Protein backbone atom coordinates (compact mmCIF):
# COMPACT_ATOMS: atom_id res chain seq x y z
CA MET A 1 0.00 0.00 0.00
CA ASN A 2 1.31 3.42 -0.98
CA LEU A 3 -0.55 5.44 1.63
CA PRO A 4 0.43 8.94 0.43
CA THR A 5 -0.81 8.11 -3.06
CA ILE A 6 -4.19 6.73 -2.06
CA ALA A 7 -4.67 9.48 0.53
CA GLN A 8 -4.18 12.02 -2.25
CA ILE A 9 -6.68 10.17 -4.45
CA ALA A 10 -9.20 10.35 -1.63
CA LYS A 11 -8.65 14.10 -1.28
CA ASN A 12 -9.01 14.58 -5.02
CA LEU A 13 -12.43 12.95 -4.95
CA VAL A 14 -13.85 15.62 -2.62
CA ILE A 15 -12.03 18.84 -3.58
CA ASN A 16 -13.27 22.00 -5.31
CA ASN A 17 -16.87 21.68 -4.10
CA LYS A 18 -17.54 18.86 -6.54
CA GLY A 19 -19.21 15.50 -5.97
CA LEU A 20 -19.48 11.93 -7.23
CA LEU A 21 -21.88 10.46 -9.77
CA ALA A 22 -23.02 7.00 -8.69
CA MET A 23 -23.98 5.02 -11.79
CA ASP A 24 -23.18 1.61 -10.37
CA GLU A 25 -26.71 0.21 -10.34
CA SER A 26 -26.83 -3.55 -10.69
CA ILE A 27 -28.31 -4.92 -13.91
CA PRO A 28 -31.63 -5.80 -12.18
CA SER A 29 -31.85 -2.33 -10.60
CA CYS A 30 -31.11 -0.59 -13.90
CA ASN A 31 -33.62 -2.78 -15.71
CA LYS A 32 -36.26 -1.95 -13.09
CA ARG A 33 -35.80 1.77 -13.73
CA PHE A 34 -35.97 1.21 -17.48
CA ASN A 35 -39.12 -0.90 -17.20
CA ALA A 36 -40.85 1.82 -15.17
CA LEU A 37 -40.35 4.22 -18.10
CA GLY A 38 -41.00 1.79 -20.94
CA ILE A 39 -37.33 1.62 -21.99
CA PRO A 40 -36.21 -1.79 -23.33
CA ALA A 41 -34.14 -3.48 -20.62
CA THR A 42 -31.30 -4.74 -22.81
CA VAL A 43 -27.52 -4.60 -22.63
CA ASP A 44 -27.47 -2.29 -25.67
CA MET A 45 -29.84 0.18 -24.04
CA ARG A 46 -27.92 0.11 -20.77
CA ARG A 47 -24.73 0.82 -22.70
CA ALA A 48 -26.40 3.67 -24.62
CA TYR A 49 -27.67 5.24 -21.41
CA ARG A 50 -24.32 5.04 -19.67
CA ASP A 51 -22.69 6.47 -22.80
CA LEU A 52 -25.05 9.43 -22.51
CA LEU A 53 -24.02 10.03 -18.90
CA ILE A 54 -20.27 9.60 -19.34
CA THR A 55 -20.02 11.76 -22.48
CA THR A 56 -21.98 14.69 -21.02
CA PRO A 57 -20.01 17.82 -21.96
CA HIS A 58 -18.40 19.67 -19.03
CA LEU A 59 -19.32 16.91 -16.55
CA SER A 60 -15.91 17.31 -14.91
CA ASP A 61 -16.83 20.89 -13.97
CA TYR A 62 -19.05 19.43 -11.25
CA ILE A 63 -18.06 15.77 -10.83
CA ASN A 64 -14.75 14.48 -9.44
CA GLY A 65 -15.45 10.77 -9.80
CA VAL A 66 -17.89 8.28 -11.26
CA ILE A 67 -18.78 4.92 -9.72
CA LEU A 68 -19.32 2.13 -12.26
CA CYS A 69 -20.50 -1.47 -12.05
CA ASP A 70 -18.71 -4.45 -13.58
CA GLU A 71 -20.75 -4.28 -16.78
CA THR A 72 -20.14 -0.57 -17.34
CA ILE A 73 -16.39 -0.50 -16.70
CA ARG A 74 -16.00 -2.95 -19.60
CA GLN A 75 -18.20 -1.05 -22.06
CA MET A 76 -17.37 1.39 -24.85
CA SER A 77 -18.86 4.50 -26.35
CA THR A 78 -20.58 4.49 -29.72
CA ASP A 79 -17.28 5.30 -31.48
CA GLY A 80 -15.50 2.37 -29.79
CA THR A 81 -13.68 4.38 -27.12
CA PRO A 82 -13.67 2.61 -23.74
CA PHE A 83 -15.69 4.46 -21.13
CA THR A 84 -12.62 4.40 -18.90
CA ASP A 85 -10.59 6.29 -21.51
CA ILE A 86 -13.29 8.96 -21.81
CA LEU A 87 -13.31 9.46 -18.05
CA LYS A 88 -9.51 9.58 -17.83
CA LYS A 89 -9.33 12.20 -20.58
CA ALA A 90 -11.91 14.31 -18.74
CA GLY A 91 -9.94 14.05 -15.49
CA ILE A 92 -12.75 12.19 -13.74
CA GLY A 93 -11.77 9.47 -11.27
CA ILE A 94 -12.97 5.93 -12.01
CA GLY A 95 -14.65 3.96 -9.24
CA ILE A 96 -16.07 0.46 -9.18
CA LYS A 97 -18.75 -1.23 -7.09
CA VAL A 98 -17.26 -4.45 -5.71
CA ASP A 99 -19.83 -5.96 -3.36
CA THR A 100 -21.90 -8.72 -4.92
CA GLY A 101 -25.19 -7.97 -3.23
CA GLU A 102 -26.96 -8.99 -0.06
CA ALA A 103 -27.94 -12.27 1.52
CA ASP A 104 -30.32 -13.01 4.35
CA MET A 105 -28.52 -13.07 7.67
CA LYS A 106 -28.77 -16.48 9.27
CA ASP A 107 -31.09 -16.59 12.31
CA HIS A 108 -31.90 -12.88 11.90
CA PRO A 109 -35.22 -12.52 10.04
CA GLY A 110 -35.47 -9.32 8.01
CA GLU A 111 -31.76 -8.52 8.26
CA LYS A 112 -29.13 -8.62 5.52
CA ILE A 113 -25.38 -9.10 5.22
CA THR A 114 -23.43 -7.90 2.20
CA GLN A 115 -21.31 -10.39 0.29
CA GLY A 116 -18.32 -10.23 -2.05
CA LEU A 117 -15.13 -10.66 -0.01
CA ASP A 118 -14.17 -13.93 -1.72
CA GLY A 119 -11.64 -13.18 -4.43
CA LEU A 120 -11.91 -9.43 -3.82
CA GLY A 121 -8.16 -8.82 -3.96
CA LYS A 122 -7.89 -10.38 -7.45
CA ARG A 123 -10.91 -8.47 -8.71
CA LEU A 124 -9.50 -5.20 -7.42
CA ALA A 125 -6.20 -5.87 -9.19
CA THR A 126 -8.11 -6.39 -12.44
CA TYR A 127 -10.15 -3.23 -11.97
CA ALA A 128 -7.01 -1.23 -11.15
CA LYS A 129 -5.47 -2.32 -14.46
CA MET A 130 -8.65 -1.07 -16.14
CA GLY A 131 -8.16 2.36 -14.58
CA ALA A 132 -10.11 2.23 -11.32
CA SER A 133 -8.63 4.25 -8.46
CA PHE A 134 -11.41 3.78 -5.91
CA ALA A 135 -14.11 1.27 -5.02
CA LYS A 136 -17.46 1.13 -3.25
CA TRP A 137 -19.16 -1.35 -0.92
CA ARG A 138 -22.67 -0.91 0.50
CA GLY A 139 -23.87 -2.38 3.77
CA GLU A 140 -27.62 -1.94 4.26
CA ILE A 141 -29.20 -1.65 7.69
CA ILE A 142 -32.98 -1.92 7.86
CA ILE A 143 -35.06 -0.38 10.63
CA GLY A 144 -38.11 -2.39 11.60
CA GLU A 145 -39.82 -3.96 14.55
CA ASP A 146 -37.03 -5.22 16.83
CA ILE A 147 -34.37 -4.62 14.17
CA PRO A 148 -31.61 -3.87 13.53
CA SER A 149 -29.87 -6.13 15.99
CA MET A 150 -26.41 -5.32 17.23
CA GLU A 151 -25.27 -8.60 15.65
CA CYS A 152 -26.36 -7.32 12.25
CA ILE A 153 -24.79 -3.90 12.75
CA GLU A 154 -21.49 -5.36 13.91
CA ALA A 155 -21.38 -8.02 11.19
CA ASN A 156 -21.88 -5.45 8.42
CA ALA A 157 -19.38 -3.09 10.05
CA LYS A 158 -16.76 -5.84 10.13
CA VAL A 159 -17.35 -6.73 6.48
CA LEU A 160 -17.05 -3.06 5.50
CA ALA A 161 -13.76 -2.84 7.37
CA LEU A 162 -12.38 -5.99 5.74
CA TYR A 163 -13.35 -4.63 2.33
CA ALA A 164 -11.66 -1.30 3.11
CA GLN A 165 -8.51 -3.06 4.29
CA ILE A 166 -8.29 -5.14 1.11
CA CYS A 167 -8.92 -2.05 -1.03
CA GLN A 168 -6.10 -0.09 0.51
CA GLU A 169 -3.75 -3.04 0.22
CA ALA A 170 -4.60 -3.10 -3.50
CA GLY A 171 -3.92 0.63 -3.82
CA LEU A 172 -7.53 1.75 -4.18
CA VAL A 173 -9.49 4.20 -2.05
CA PRO A 174 -12.47 2.50 -0.37
CA ILE A 175 -15.80 4.27 -0.28
CA VAL A 176 -17.38 2.91 2.89
CA GLU A 177 -21.17 2.97 2.58
CA PRO A 178 -23.18 2.00 5.67
CA GLU A 179 -26.74 2.83 4.65
CA VAL A 180 -29.57 3.02 7.15
CA ASP A 181 -32.46 2.48 4.77
CA MET A 182 -35.17 5.16 4.44
CA ALA A 183 -38.00 2.65 4.11
CA GLY A 184 -40.28 2.28 7.12
CA ASN A 185 -42.30 4.49 9.43
CA HIS A 186 -39.60 5.20 12.01
CA SER A 187 -39.04 8.66 13.47
CA ILE A 188 -35.97 10.82 12.98
CA GLU A 189 -35.04 10.02 16.59
CA ARG A 190 -35.00 6.30 15.78
CA CYS A 191 -32.95 6.92 12.64
CA LEU A 192 -30.50 8.98 14.70
CA GLU A 193 -30.17 6.22 17.26
CA VAL A 194 -29.50 3.54 14.65
CA THR A 195 -27.20 5.68 12.50
CA ARG A 196 -25.09 6.52 15.55
CA LEU A 197 -24.74 2.82 16.44
CA VAL A 198 -23.86 1.95 12.85
CA LEU A 199 -21.22 4.66 12.42
CA GLN A 200 -19.66 3.92 15.80
CA ALA A 201 -19.43 0.22 14.91
CA VAL A 202 -17.97 1.01 11.48
CA PHE A 203 -15.19 3.24 12.82
CA THR A 204 -14.39 0.77 15.59
CA GLN A 205 -13.94 -1.97 13.00
CA LEU A 206 -11.96 0.27 10.63
CA GLN A 207 -9.51 1.01 13.42
CA LEU A 208 -9.31 -2.65 14.50
CA HIS A 209 -8.42 -3.59 10.91
CA HIS A 210 -5.81 -0.82 10.65
CA VAL A 211 -7.60 0.99 7.83
CA ALA A 212 -6.00 4.39 7.15
CA LEU A 213 -8.84 6.84 7.73
CA GLU A 214 -7.10 9.56 5.72
CA ALA A 215 -7.53 7.35 2.64
CA ILE A 216 -11.24 6.52 2.78
CA ILE A 217 -14.47 8.26 1.82
CA LEU A 218 -17.52 7.74 4.04
CA LYS A 219 -20.86 7.43 2.20
CA PRO A 220 -23.63 7.55 4.83
CA ASN A 221 -27.33 8.27 4.83
CA MET A 222 -28.73 11.57 6.00
CA VAL A 223 -30.58 11.28 9.30
CA LEU A 224 -34.25 11.35 8.30
CA PRO A 225 -37.60 9.93 9.35
CA GLY A 226 -38.71 6.85 7.44
CA LEU A 227 -40.62 7.48 4.24
CA GLY A 228 -43.76 6.14 5.92
CA CYS A 229 -43.47 8.31 9.02
CA ASP A 230 -46.42 10.64 9.57
CA PHE A 231 -44.13 13.43 10.80
CA GLN A 232 -41.51 14.59 8.31
CA VAL A 233 -39.13 17.11 9.84
CA GLY A 234 -38.04 20.39 8.31
CA ILE A 235 -34.81 20.83 6.40
CA ASP A 236 -33.05 22.76 9.17
CA GLU A 237 -33.82 20.11 11.80
CA MET A 238 -32.53 17.42 9.46
CA ALA A 239 -29.35 19.41 8.87
CA ASP A 240 -28.75 19.97 12.58
CA THR A 241 -29.41 16.35 13.47
CA THR A 242 -27.25 14.91 10.71
CA VAL A 243 -24.24 17.21 11.01
CA SER A 244 -24.21 17.12 14.82
CA LEU A 245 -24.01 13.33 14.68
CA LEU A 246 -21.25 13.34 12.08
CA LEU A 247 -19.22 15.86 14.07
CA ALA A 248 -19.53 13.59 17.10
CA VAL A 249 -18.57 10.28 15.51
CA VAL A 250 -16.55 10.83 12.30
CA PRO A 251 -12.85 11.48 12.91
CA SER A 252 -11.42 14.64 11.38
CA THR A 253 -8.78 12.57 9.58
CA VAL A 254 -11.44 11.35 7.12
CA PRO A 255 -11.07 13.61 4.05
CA GLY A 256 -14.66 13.51 2.91
CA ILE A 257 -18.23 12.46 3.56
CA ALA A 258 -20.30 11.90 0.42
CA PHE A 259 -24.00 11.44 1.13
CA LEU A 260 -26.09 8.85 -0.66
CA SER A 261 -29.49 10.07 -1.81
CA GLY A 262 -31.33 6.90 -0.81
CA GLY A 263 -34.42 7.57 -2.90
CA GLN A 264 -34.97 11.18 -1.83
CA PRO A 265 -36.68 13.44 -4.38
CA TYR A 266 -33.83 15.07 -6.27
CA GLN A 267 -34.62 18.70 -5.43
CA LEU A 268 -35.06 17.81 -1.76
CA ALA A 269 -31.71 15.99 -1.68
CA THR A 270 -30.10 19.16 -3.04
CA SER A 271 -31.92 21.41 -0.58
CA ARG A 272 -30.88 19.27 2.36
CA LEU A 273 -27.22 19.32 1.31
CA ASN A 274 -27.47 23.09 0.91
CA ALA A 275 -28.90 23.54 4.42
CA MET A 276 -26.00 21.65 5.98
CA HIS A 277 -23.53 24.00 4.32
CA VAL A 278 -25.50 27.14 5.11
CA ARG A 279 -25.58 26.21 8.80
CA TYR A 280 -22.22 24.48 9.28
CA LYS A 281 -19.86 25.38 6.43
CA ASP A 282 -17.13 26.85 8.66
CA LYS A 283 -17.37 24.08 11.28
CA LEU A 284 -16.72 21.05 9.10
CA PRO A 285 -13.37 19.27 9.44
CA TRP A 286 -14.02 17.19 6.31
CA ALA A 287 -15.54 17.91 2.90
CA LEU A 288 -19.29 17.31 2.93
CA THR A 289 -20.37 16.36 -0.57
CA PHE A 290 -22.71 14.13 -2.57
CA SER A 291 -22.52 10.71 -4.19
CA TYR A 292 -25.98 10.58 -5.70
CA SER A 293 -27.48 8.11 -8.12
CA ARG A 294 -31.18 8.73 -8.80
CA ALA A 295 -31.00 12.26 -7.38
CA LEU A 296 -28.61 13.11 -10.23
CA GLN A 297 -29.79 10.71 -12.92
CA GLN A 298 -33.58 10.60 -12.76
CA PRO A 299 -34.33 13.80 -14.71
CA ALA A 300 -31.89 12.72 -17.43
CA LEU A 301 -33.33 9.22 -17.62
CA SER A 302 -36.91 10.52 -17.75
CA THR A 303 -35.91 12.89 -20.58
CA TRP A 304 -33.95 10.34 -22.60
CA LEU A 305 -36.52 7.51 -22.57
CA GLY A 306 -34.30 5.42 -24.84
CA ASN A 307 -34.59 7.89 -27.74
CA SER A 308 -31.31 9.07 -29.28
CA GLU A 309 -32.99 12.33 -30.31
CA ASN A 310 -33.27 13.21 -26.60
CA ILE A 311 -29.59 12.75 -25.72
CA ASN A 312 -28.62 16.43 -25.69
CA ARG A 313 -31.60 17.44 -23.53
CA ALA A 314 -30.96 14.53 -21.17
CA GLN A 315 -27.32 15.55 -20.78
CA GLU A 316 -28.45 19.10 -20.00
CA GLN A 317 -30.66 17.68 -17.24
CA LEU A 318 -27.75 15.73 -15.73
CA LEU A 319 -25.46 18.74 -15.88
CA HIS A 320 -28.10 20.95 -14.29
CA ARG A 321 -28.54 18.61 -11.33
CA ALA A 322 -24.78 18.39 -10.87
CA LEU A 323 -24.54 22.19 -11.00
CA CYS A 324 -27.31 22.59 -8.41
CA ASN A 325 -25.60 20.21 -6.01
CA CYS A 326 -22.27 21.97 -6.40
CA ALA A 327 -24.05 25.22 -5.59
CA ALA A 328 -25.48 23.49 -2.51
CA MET A 329 -21.94 22.68 -1.39
CA ARG A 330 -21.33 26.41 -1.30
CA GLY A 331 -24.62 27.05 0.49
CA LYS A 332 -25.81 28.98 -2.57
CA TYR A 333 -28.58 26.77 -3.92
CA ASP A 334 -32.16 28.02 -3.99
CA ALA A 335 -35.34 27.00 -5.79
CA GLU A 336 -34.94 29.67 -8.44
CA MET A 337 -31.98 27.76 -9.84
CA GLU A 338 -34.38 25.04 -10.94
CA TYR A 339 -36.01 27.49 -13.33
CA ASN A 340 -33.29 29.79 -14.58
CA GLY A 341 -30.04 27.94 -13.87
CA ARG A 342 -28.67 30.93 -11.96
CA TRP A 343 -25.37 30.19 -10.22
């Protein structure tokens, strides 16, 4: 492990008030989104859509890195140029999702454990040769009646730490993603309680496995009530609750925290990021940025609809969402930007 090199890569992923574009959806997840919009769920259409995203002009003005899945990192643009070459030329970092999905946790109904450690070192070496400089692994924690258990939290934290350790040994920056899922009717207080336990367990395991914190990116959920909760808190309360927790549990040596969107409406995800910067910008020891998937992609996907005639307009939609979120990182986003693009 060349620690100075990977620590610099981690810093580069969160500098200049830019974020990350997560386009690492699994094939079933991507197909599900296509099916909902009547887009043929084929490998050719997935390639065409990812080509649209990657070749968006000026994407690097707002995006430091892109997270790909195994299928996408091997694909090429319409003219035969590998996607990885396009990203390198644009100065955008290449990331790769390396977990292989979830399995039911034995003797823990309703709880999941993420898989993919077997052969991970060899896969990372292959991805590094293809141009990847960072990776991502998601551990999902579900809130429900009598769950999550501490056994589930600790098991997922340990797996995240093992993944991060293997990544750094392979010379890649690990994005550590412990996601407390938004589904459910739990309150913000319950989400806060669980998210605190999860983050504490994750950093305990990272330290036990000698993971260099200056060479990771944390990708957590925002602290929010469940989608089914009758009481949805205001943006300022969410910002205070989320940032106060992060200040309490995330070491200052971590270079950046890149929020997942977790199914939030895209304008709301931007507004919430903006509120955190408006209220805490000068108090943050790490970069506080975004690593959004649907909250960046959905307007572009809904505009494209599988029609090549819509590519330019779809790319404009992606670029606009990226611009809005970069403005939010400066605490300068407001609703008027959605209508006139004002910076």
